[in-house]
Structures are given as C-alpha cells and as structure tokens.
Amino acid sequence: MTLYFFERITDNDFVGPVIVAASSEDEAWALLAARERSERAALETLGWQIAQDLAAIPTRASVVYPGHYRNAILR
C-alpha cells in the first residue's frame, strides 16, 4: 500500500494535501475522482497532481518534500 499526496495549486487557490492510500497510482486517481465526483482527465486539467507518494515510512526523522519541490531545486 502506498500513500499518495494529491494537491491542486492555481494562481488563486491551493487544495491539499488529499492523502489517498492505494495499491497503485491508477487506483489512487480513481479514489480521488470518486471523492471529487469527476473524471481523472478533468481533475488533471484542473491542476490536480500527485505531490508525493510514500511506499514506506522513512527509517529516520526527516523532512519529506513534495516531488515538484525536488524538481524545482534540481532545475
């Protein structure tokens, strides 16, 4: 089971994190879609994204940054 941290960031709004426990990314999107009463494609168009996924709890104390933060740092 993996924890998927979803968020939606726009110029005027931030929604998240919405944390979904699922066995796959597709299942996580399906659960979010059911929660939002929408289709995955529509959610992606609105800016929903997976900020982070955790398949295991870190073995030591640490700060876990969303994936897009890490990508911004690497650019």
N, C-alpha and C. Protein backbone atom coordinates (compact mmCIF):
# COMPACT_ATOMS: atom_id res chain seq x y z
N MET A 1 0.85 -1.18 0.00
CA MET A 1 0.00 0.00 0.00
C MET A 1 0.89 1.24 0.00
N THR A 2 0.54 2.19 -0.82
CA THR A 2 1.29 3.44 -0.93
C THR A 2 0.38 4.61 -0.57
N LEU A 3 0.94 5.60 0.09
CA LEU A 3 0.21 6.84 0.36
C LEU A 3 0.51 7.83 -0.75
N TYR A 4 -0.54 8.33 -1.41
CA TYR A 4 -0.41 9.31 -2.48
C TYR A 4 -0.93 10.64 -1.95
N PHE A 5 -0.09 11.67 -2.02
CA PHE A 5 -0.44 13.00 -1.54
C PHE A 5 -0.80 13.84 -2.76
N PHE A 6 -2.10 14.10 -2.93
CA PHE A 6 -2.59 14.91 -4.04
C PHE A 6 -2.72 16.36 -3.62
N GLU A 7 -2.54 17.25 -4.58
CA GLU A 7 -2.77 18.67 -4.34
C GLU A 7 -3.18 19.33 -5.66
N ARG A 8 -3.77 20.50 -5.50
CA ARG A 8 -4.12 21.33 -6.67
C ARG A 8 -3.71 22.75 -6.35
N ILE A 9 -2.83 23.30 -7.16
CA ILE A 9 -2.35 24.66 -6.97
C ILE A 9 -2.71 25.48 -8.20
N THR A 10 -3.38 26.60 -7.96
CA THR A 10 -3.68 27.54 -9.04
C THR A 10 -3.17 28.92 -8.60
N ASP A 11 -3.35 29.90 -9.45
CA ASP A 11 -2.93 31.26 -9.09
C ASP A 11 -3.69 31.80 -7.88
N ASN A 12 -4.92 31.30 -7.68
CA ASN A 12 -5.78 31.86 -6.63
C ASN A 12 -6.17 30.86 -5.54
N ASP A 13 -5.67 29.63 -5.63
CA ASP A 13 -6.20 28.61 -4.74
C ASP A 13 -5.17 27.52 -4.49
N PHE A 14 -5.28 26.88 -3.33
CA PHE A 14 -4.50 25.70 -3.02
C PHE A 14 -5.42 24.72 -2.33
N VAL A 15 -5.47 23.49 -2.82
CA VAL A 15 -6.24 22.44 -2.18
C VAL A 15 -5.28 21.29 -1.92
N GLY A 16 -5.24 20.86 -0.70
CA GLY A 16 -4.40 19.71 -0.40
C GLY A 16 -3.77 19.85 0.97
N PRO A 17 -3.08 18.86 1.40
CA PRO A 17 -2.99 17.61 0.68
C PRO A 17 -4.23 16.75 0.90
N VAL A 18 -4.59 16.01 -0.12
CA VAL A 18 -5.58 14.94 0.00
C VAL A 18 -4.76 13.66 -0.07
N ILE A 19 -4.78 12.90 1.00
CA ILE A 19 -3.93 11.71 1.11
C ILE A 19 -4.78 10.48 0.83
N VAL A 20 -4.35 9.70 -0.15
CA VAL A 20 -5.08 8.51 -0.58
C VAL A 20 -4.17 7.30 -0.40
N ALA A 21 -4.66 6.27 0.26
CA ALA A 21 -3.94 5.00 0.38
C ALA A 21 -4.47 4.08 -0.71
N ALA A 22 -3.55 3.60 -1.56
CA ALA A 22 -3.97 2.74 -2.66
C ALA A 22 -2.81 1.82 -3.06
N SER A 23 -3.15 0.77 -3.79
CA SER A 23 -2.12 -0.18 -4.22
C SER A 23 -1.44 0.23 -5.51
N SER A 24 -2.02 1.22 -6.24
CA SER A 24 -1.40 1.69 -7.48
C SER A 24 -1.79 3.14 -7.71
N GLU A 25 -1.05 3.81 -8.60
CA GLU A 25 -1.36 5.19 -8.93
C GLU A 25 -2.74 5.29 -9.59
N ASP A 26 -3.06 4.34 -10.46
CA ASP A 26 -4.38 4.36 -11.11
C ASP A 26 -5.50 4.24 -10.10
N GLU A 27 -5.32 3.36 -9.12
CA GLU A 27 -6.34 3.22 -8.07
C GLU A 27 -6.45 4.50 -7.25
N ALA A 28 -5.32 5.15 -6.97
CA ALA A 28 -5.35 6.41 -6.21
C ALA A 28 -6.12 7.47 -6.97
N TRP A 29 -5.87 7.60 -8.28
CA TRP A 29 -6.62 8.56 -9.09
C TRP A 29 -8.11 8.22 -9.11
N ALA A 30 -8.44 6.94 -9.18
CA ALA A 30 -9.85 6.54 -9.18
C ALA A 30 -10.54 6.92 -7.87
N LEU A 31 -9.84 6.75 -6.76
CA LEU A 31 -10.41 7.13 -5.46
C LEU A 31 -10.59 8.64 -5.35
N LEU A 32 -9.58 9.41 -5.83
CA LEU A 32 -9.71 10.87 -5.82
C LEU A 32 -10.87 11.30 -6.73
N ALA A 33 -10.97 10.68 -7.89
CA ALA A 33 -12.05 11.00 -8.83
C ALA A 33 -13.41 10.74 -8.20
N ALA A 34 -13.54 9.64 -7.48
CA ALA A 34 -14.81 9.34 -6.80
C ALA A 34 -15.09 10.39 -5.73
N ARG A 35 -14.08 10.76 -4.98
CA ARG A 35 -14.25 11.79 -3.93
C ARG A 35 -14.69 13.11 -4.53
N GLU A 36 -14.07 13.49 -5.66
CA GLU A 36 -14.36 14.78 -6.28
C GLU A 36 -15.55 14.72 -7.25
N ARG A 37 -16.09 13.51 -7.44
CA ARG A 37 -17.20 13.31 -8.39
C ARG A 37 -16.85 13.84 -9.78
N SER A 38 -15.70 13.39 -10.26
CA SER A 38 -15.19 13.85 -11.54
C SER A 38 -14.35 12.75 -12.17
N GLU A 39 -13.95 12.94 -13.40
CA GLU A 39 -13.06 12.00 -14.09
C GLU A 39 -11.61 12.42 -13.88
N ARG A 40 -10.70 11.46 -13.98
CA ARG A 40 -9.28 11.75 -13.79
C ARG A 40 -8.80 12.84 -14.74
N ALA A 41 -9.15 12.74 -16.02
CA ALA A 41 -8.69 13.73 -17.01
C ALA A 41 -9.14 15.13 -16.63
N ALA A 42 -10.37 15.25 -16.15
CA ALA A 42 -10.88 16.56 -15.74
C ALA A 42 -10.11 17.08 -14.53
N LEU A 43 -9.78 16.19 -13.60
CA LEU A 43 -9.01 16.61 -12.41
C LEU A 43 -7.62 17.08 -12.82
N GLU A 44 -6.99 16.37 -13.73
CA GLU A 44 -5.67 16.79 -14.20
C GLU A 44 -5.73 18.13 -14.91
N THR A 45 -6.80 18.35 -15.68
CA THR A 45 -6.98 19.64 -16.35
C THR A 45 -7.14 20.77 -15.34
N LEU A 46 -7.77 20.48 -14.21
CA LEU A 46 -7.95 21.48 -13.16
C LEU A 46 -6.68 21.72 -12.34
N GLY A 47 -5.64 20.92 -12.60
CA GLY A 47 -4.37 21.13 -11.90
C GLY A 47 -4.07 20.16 -10.79
N TRP A 48 -4.91 19.13 -10.59
CA TRP A 48 -4.61 18.13 -9.57
C TRP A 48 -3.36 17.38 -9.99
N GLN A 49 -2.50 17.10 -9.02
CA GLN A 49 -1.30 16.33 -9.27
C GLN A 49 -0.92 15.54 -8.03
N ILE A 50 -0.09 14.54 -8.23
CA ILE A 50 0.46 13.82 -7.09
C ILE A 50 1.72 14.57 -6.66
N ALA A 51 1.66 15.13 -5.47
CA ALA A 51 2.80 15.88 -4.96
C ALA A 51 3.89 14.93 -4.46
N GLN A 52 3.48 13.79 -3.92
CA GLN A 52 4.43 12.83 -3.37
C GLN A 52 3.74 11.50 -3.20
N ASP A 53 4.51 10.44 -3.29
CA ASP A 53 3.99 9.13 -2.92
C ASP A 53 4.98 8.48 -1.98
N LEU A 54 4.46 7.83 -0.97
CA LEU A 54 5.31 7.18 0.03
C LEU A 54 4.92 5.71 0.10
N ALA A 55 5.84 4.86 -0.35
CA ALA A 55 5.60 3.42 -0.28
C ALA A 55 6.06 2.86 1.07
N ALA A 56 6.88 3.64 1.78
CA ALA A 56 7.37 3.22 3.09
C ALA A 56 7.60 4.47 3.94
N ILE A 57 7.45 4.29 5.22
CA ILE A 57 7.73 5.37 6.17
C ILE A 57 9.26 5.51 6.27
N PRO A 58 9.78 6.75 6.24
CA PRO A 58 11.23 6.92 6.37
C PRO A 58 11.75 6.23 7.64
N THR A 59 12.96 5.69 7.57
CA THR A 59 13.51 4.94 8.70
C THR A 59 14.10 5.84 9.78
N ARG A 60 14.26 7.13 9.44
CA ARG A 60 14.75 8.09 10.45
C ARG A 60 13.98 9.39 10.28
N ALA A 61 14.06 10.24 11.26
CA ALA A 61 13.37 11.53 11.18
C ALA A 61 13.88 12.31 9.98
N SER A 62 12.95 12.85 9.20
CA SER A 62 13.35 13.60 8.01
C SER A 62 12.20 14.45 7.52
N VAL A 63 12.54 15.42 6.69
CA VAL A 63 11.55 16.24 6.03
C VAL A 63 11.32 15.62 4.66
N VAL A 64 10.06 15.36 4.32
CA VAL A 64 9.72 14.76 3.04
C VAL A 64 9.09 15.84 2.18
N TYR A 65 9.78 16.25 1.13
CA TYR A 65 9.29 17.32 0.27
C TYR A 65 8.46 16.74 -0.87
N PRO A 66 7.43 17.46 -1.27
CA PRO A 66 6.68 17.03 -2.46
C PRO A 66 7.61 16.95 -3.66
N GLY A 67 7.29 16.07 -4.59
CA GLY A 67 8.12 15.83 -5.76
C GLY A 67 8.39 17.08 -6.58
N HIS A 68 7.40 17.96 -6.73
CA HIS A 68 7.63 19.15 -7.55
C HIS A 68 8.59 20.12 -6.88
N TYR A 69 8.72 20.09 -5.55
CA TYR A 69 9.73 20.91 -4.88
C TYR A 69 11.11 20.42 -5.28
N ARG A 70 11.29 19.10 -5.24
CA ARG A 70 12.56 18.50 -5.59
C ARG A 70 12.92 18.83 -7.04
N ASN A 71 11.96 18.76 -7.94
CA ASN A 71 12.21 19.09 -9.34
C ASN A 71 12.62 20.54 -9.50
N ALA A 72 12.00 21.45 -8.76
CA ALA A 72 12.33 22.87 -8.84
C ALA A 72 13.75 23.12 -8.34
N ILE A 73 14.16 22.40 -7.31
CA ILE A 73 15.50 22.57 -6.76
C ILE A 73 16.54 22.09 -7.78
N LEU A 74 16.24 21.02 -8.51
CA LEU A 74 17.19 20.46 -9.47
C LEU A 74 17.33 21.30 -10.72
N ARG A 75 16.37 22.18 -11.02
CA ARG A 75 16.43 22.99 -12.24
C ARG A 75 17.42 24.11 -12.15
